[in-house]
Protein backbone atom coordinates (compact mmCIF):
# COMPACT_ATOMS: atom_id res chain seq x y z
CA MET A 1 57.98 186.23 -54.71
CA LYS A 2 60.71 183.64 -54.18
CA THR A 3 61.90 180.57 -56.06
CA TYR A 4 62.27 177.36 -54.05
CA ILE A 5 64.19 174.42 -55.53
CA PHE A 6 64.09 171.04 -53.79
CA ILE A 7 66.86 168.59 -54.72
CA HIS A 8 66.04 165.02 -53.75
CA GLY A 9 68.32 162.27 -52.54
CA GLY A 10 69.44 159.07 -54.19
CA GLU A 11 71.98 156.28 -54.21
CA SER A 12 75.49 156.52 -55.63
CA PHE A 13 78.12 153.80 -56.00
CA GLN A 14 81.83 153.87 -56.70
CA THR A 15 81.76 150.71 -58.78
CA HIS A 16 79.28 148.85 -60.95
CA GLU A 17 79.74 145.80 -58.74
CA GLU A 18 78.52 147.77 -55.71
CA TYR A 19 75.45 148.81 -57.67
CA LEU A 20 74.72 145.19 -58.68
CA LYS A 21 75.00 144.13 -55.04
CA TRP A 22 72.53 146.86 -54.09
CA ILE A 23 70.09 145.53 -56.71
CA GLU A 24 70.38 142.01 -55.30
CA THR A 25 69.74 143.12 -51.75
CA THR A 26 68.05 146.47 -51.17
CA ALA A 27 66.27 146.87 -54.52
CA VAL A 28 64.82 143.36 -54.28
CA GLU A 29 63.77 143.85 -50.66
CA TRP A 30 61.92 147.06 -51.58
CA ASN A 31 59.78 145.14 -54.07
CA LEU A 32 58.68 142.08 -52.09
CA ASP A 33 55.33 143.42 -50.88
CA PRO A 34 52.28 142.49 -52.99
CA PHE A 35 50.06 145.21 -54.36
CA ALA A 36 47.61 146.69 -51.90
CA ILE A 37 45.36 149.71 -52.14
CA LYS A 38 46.88 152.33 -49.89
CA THR A 39 46.13 155.88 -48.96
CA GLU A 40 49.05 157.94 -50.17
CA LYS A 41 51.05 159.24 -47.24
CA LYS A 42 51.80 162.89 -46.95
CA LYS A 43 55.43 163.86 -47.45
CA TRP A 44 57.14 166.84 -45.92
CA LYS A 45 58.41 168.10 -49.28
CA THR A 46 55.02 168.17 -50.94
CA GLU A 47 53.41 169.59 -47.81
CA ILE A 48 55.90 172.46 -47.78
CA ALA A 49 55.67 172.90 -51.56
CA ASN A 50 51.90 173.22 -51.32
CA MET A 51 52.20 175.78 -48.53
CA LEU A 52 54.73 177.88 -50.43
CA THR A 53 52.73 177.74 -53.66
CA LEU A 54 49.62 178.94 -51.84
CA ASN A 55 51.71 181.83 -50.52
CA GLY A 56 52.40 182.88 -54.12
CA ASP A 57 55.96 181.59 -54.41
CA ILE A 58 57.36 179.41 -57.20
CA VAL A 59 58.40 175.89 -56.24
CA TYR A 60 60.32 173.30 -58.27
CA LEU A 61 60.89 169.64 -57.42
CA PRO A 62 63.01 168.50 -60.39
CA ASN A 63 63.63 164.79 -60.95
CA PHE A 64 67.36 164.28 -61.35
CA PRO A 65 68.54 161.42 -63.62
CA ASN A 66 68.76 157.84 -62.41
CA PRO A 67 68.57 158.48 -58.64
CA GLN A 68 69.06 154.78 -57.87
CA ASN A 69 72.54 154.91 -59.40
CA ALA A 70 73.28 158.61 -59.42
CA LYS A 71 76.35 160.02 -61.15
CA TYR A 72 77.57 163.47 -60.24
CA SER A 73 78.48 164.39 -63.83
CA GLU A 74 74.93 163.52 -64.95
CA TRP A 75 73.30 165.49 -62.16
CA LYS A 76 75.56 168.47 -62.87
CA LEU A 77 74.74 168.40 -66.59
CA PHE A 78 71.04 168.19 -65.80
CA PHE A 79 71.15 171.08 -63.31
CA ASP A 80 73.31 173.30 -65.53
CA THR A 81 70.86 172.89 -68.39
CA TRP A 82 67.67 172.93 -66.33
CA ILE A 83 68.50 176.08 -64.36
CA THR A 84 68.78 178.06 -67.63
CA GLN A 85 65.32 176.93 -68.74
CA ILE A 86 63.29 178.18 -65.78
CA PRO A 87 62.39 181.75 -64.82
CA LEU A 88 64.16 182.77 -61.63
CA THR A 89 63.04 185.37 -59.13
CA SER A 90 65.40 187.69 -57.27
CA GLU A 91 65.54 185.27 -54.32
CA ILE A 92 66.40 181.56 -54.65
CA ILE A 93 66.14 179.10 -51.78
CA LEU A 94 67.77 175.69 -52.31
CA ILE A 95 66.76 172.68 -50.21
CA GLY A 96 69.01 169.64 -50.68
CA ASN A 97 68.03 166.40 -48.97
CA SER A 98 70.60 163.64 -48.39
CA LEU A 99 72.47 163.14 -51.69
CA GLY A 100 70.81 166.34 -52.87
CA GLY A 101 72.70 168.24 -50.18
CA CYS A 102 75.90 166.49 -51.21
CA PHE A 103 75.24 167.61 -54.78
CA LEU A 104 74.92 171.24 -53.68
CA LEU A 105 78.18 171.06 -51.73
CA ASN A 106 79.99 169.70 -54.78
CA TYR A 107 78.27 171.91 -57.32
CA PHE A 108 79.05 175.18 -55.59
CA SER A 109 82.62 174.15 -54.88
CA GLU A 110 83.10 173.95 -58.67
CA ASN A 111 80.59 176.52 -59.88
CA PRO A 112 80.44 179.64 -57.73
CA LYS A 113 77.87 181.16 -60.07
CA PRO A 114 76.20 184.42 -59.09
CA LEU A 115 72.73 182.96 -58.53
CA PRO A 116 70.68 185.21 -56.23
CA ILE A 117 70.74 182.67 -53.39
CA SER A 118 69.13 183.82 -50.16
CA ASN A 119 69.25 180.49 -48.29
CA ILE A 120 70.59 176.95 -48.67
CA HIS A 121 69.22 174.14 -46.51
CA LEU A 122 71.28 170.95 -46.19
CA ILE A 123 68.94 168.29 -44.81
CA ALA A 124 70.60 165.06 -43.62
CA SER A 125 73.30 165.82 -46.16
CA CYS A 126 76.27 163.59 -46.75
CA ILE A 127 79.66 164.98 -47.81
CA GLU A 128 80.56 162.16 -50.18
CA ALA A 129 78.88 159.10 -51.67
CA GLY A 130 79.88 156.97 -54.64
CA ASP A 131 81.31 159.29 -57.29
CA PHE A 132 80.01 162.33 -55.39
CA THR A 133 83.50 162.95 -54.02
CA PRO A 134 84.33 165.44 -51.25
CA PRO A 135 84.05 169.05 -52.46
CA ILE A 136 87.12 170.78 -53.86
CA ASN A 137 86.52 173.65 -51.46
CA TYR A 138 83.70 175.28 -49.52
CA ASP A 139 84.64 178.89 -50.26
CA PHE A 140 81.44 180.01 -51.98
CA LEU A 141 79.07 178.51 -49.44
CA GLN A 142 81.17 179.66 -46.48
CA LYS A 143 80.77 183.24 -47.69
CA LEU A 144 76.99 182.83 -47.38
CA GLY A 145 77.40 182.70 -43.59
CA ASP A 146 74.18 182.20 -41.64
CA THR A 147 72.11 181.80 -44.80
CA VAL A 148 73.34 178.19 -44.80
CA HIS A 149 71.17 175.90 -42.68
CA ILE A 150 72.28 172.44 -41.53
CA TRP A 151 69.60 169.93 -40.54
CA HIS A 152 70.38 166.57 -38.96
CA SER A 153 68.88 164.12 -36.49
CA GLU A 154 70.73 162.03 -33.94
CA ASP A 155 68.81 158.90 -35.01
CA ASP A 156 69.77 159.14 -38.69
CA MET A 157 70.70 155.59 -39.71
CA VAL A 158 71.69 156.54 -43.30
CA VAL A 159 73.97 159.55 -42.88
CA PRO A 160 75.51 159.54 -39.38
CA PHE A 161 74.84 162.50 -37.12
CA SER A 162 78.61 163.02 -36.99
CA ILE A 163 78.42 164.28 -40.60
CA GLY A 164 76.04 167.04 -39.54
CA MET A 165 78.49 167.95 -36.78
CA GLU A 166 81.33 167.99 -39.29
CA LEU A 167 79.37 170.31 -41.57
CA SER A 168 78.73 172.65 -38.65
CA LYS A 169 82.51 172.96 -38.22
CA ILE A 170 83.02 173.57 -41.94
CA PHE A 171 80.34 176.27 -41.81
CA PRO A 172 80.77 177.80 -38.34
CA GLU A 173 78.37 180.66 -39.11
CA ALA A 174 75.60 178.37 -40.37
CA GLU A 175 72.29 177.96 -38.61
CA THR A 176 72.18 174.43 -37.17
CA HIS A 177 68.99 172.49 -36.57
CA PHE A 178 69.93 169.32 -34.71
CA PHE A 179 67.29 167.00 -33.32
CA GLU A 180 67.44 164.48 -30.50
CA ILE A 181 66.42 160.85 -30.97
CA GLU A 182 63.06 161.49 -29.32
CA LYS A 183 61.99 163.59 -32.30
CA TRP A 184 62.09 160.49 -34.55
CA TYR A 185 63.13 162.42 -37.66
CA GLY A 186 65.76 159.85 -38.62
CA HIS A 187 66.90 160.47 -42.19
CA PHE A 188 63.71 162.49 -42.80
CA HIS A 189 62.38 159.63 -44.96
CA GLY A 190 58.70 158.95 -44.44
CA VAL A 191 58.36 162.09 -42.33
CA GLU A 192 55.08 163.82 -43.04
CA LYS A 193 55.89 167.18 -41.55
CA ILE A 194 58.94 169.19 -40.49
CA GLU A 195 57.31 172.00 -38.59
CA GLU A 196 60.59 173.74 -37.82
CA LEU A 197 61.45 173.99 -41.53
CA GLU A 198 57.92 175.11 -42.42
CA ASN A 199 58.15 177.93 -39.88
CA ILE A 200 61.45 179.17 -41.29
CA LEU A 201 60.33 179.01 -44.93
CA SER A 202 57.06 180.74 -44.13
CA ASN A 203 59.00 183.40 -42.19
CA LYS A 204 57.23 182.65 -38.89
């Protein structure tokens, strides 16, 4: 039995003024559509979580505080407290998407705690955003070698593909999963299925 922890993405801003500008533009734009009855779309995270749960593993999808204006100190406090409240198996797999990957990079640069980590997946991860500053060092994660997985798509319009390439240089032993534009994975938002990730997590 393994423990899988998914860490979602979010928005982070260096100043309050940047956050207010985001509210005026992006947040407003996201809320212009009138209500309509819709069939809920499948999401790759819940699809994978369902698969892993059916296999007998434990899966967590914690909701980190205020993802629309995320603060690293708040996410760190949440994770430090939350991780002590859940039962952990002998194998932990962490999947950080976008800002979630950035959080993992920062967290383990400051807190090389002896969690029984067997794999870390950085999916469309950024290196810095808002007050999620560049990691102090990468020592702990670099020692994990090929148990670190880097996922990025060439058509990512949120976190440039060059960031995935940069991470592959920081972690030269990592397993890289880079996708061409034709795959249409983008930033992995709205993607219903990541078959390549499912195969790895299900040990196919």
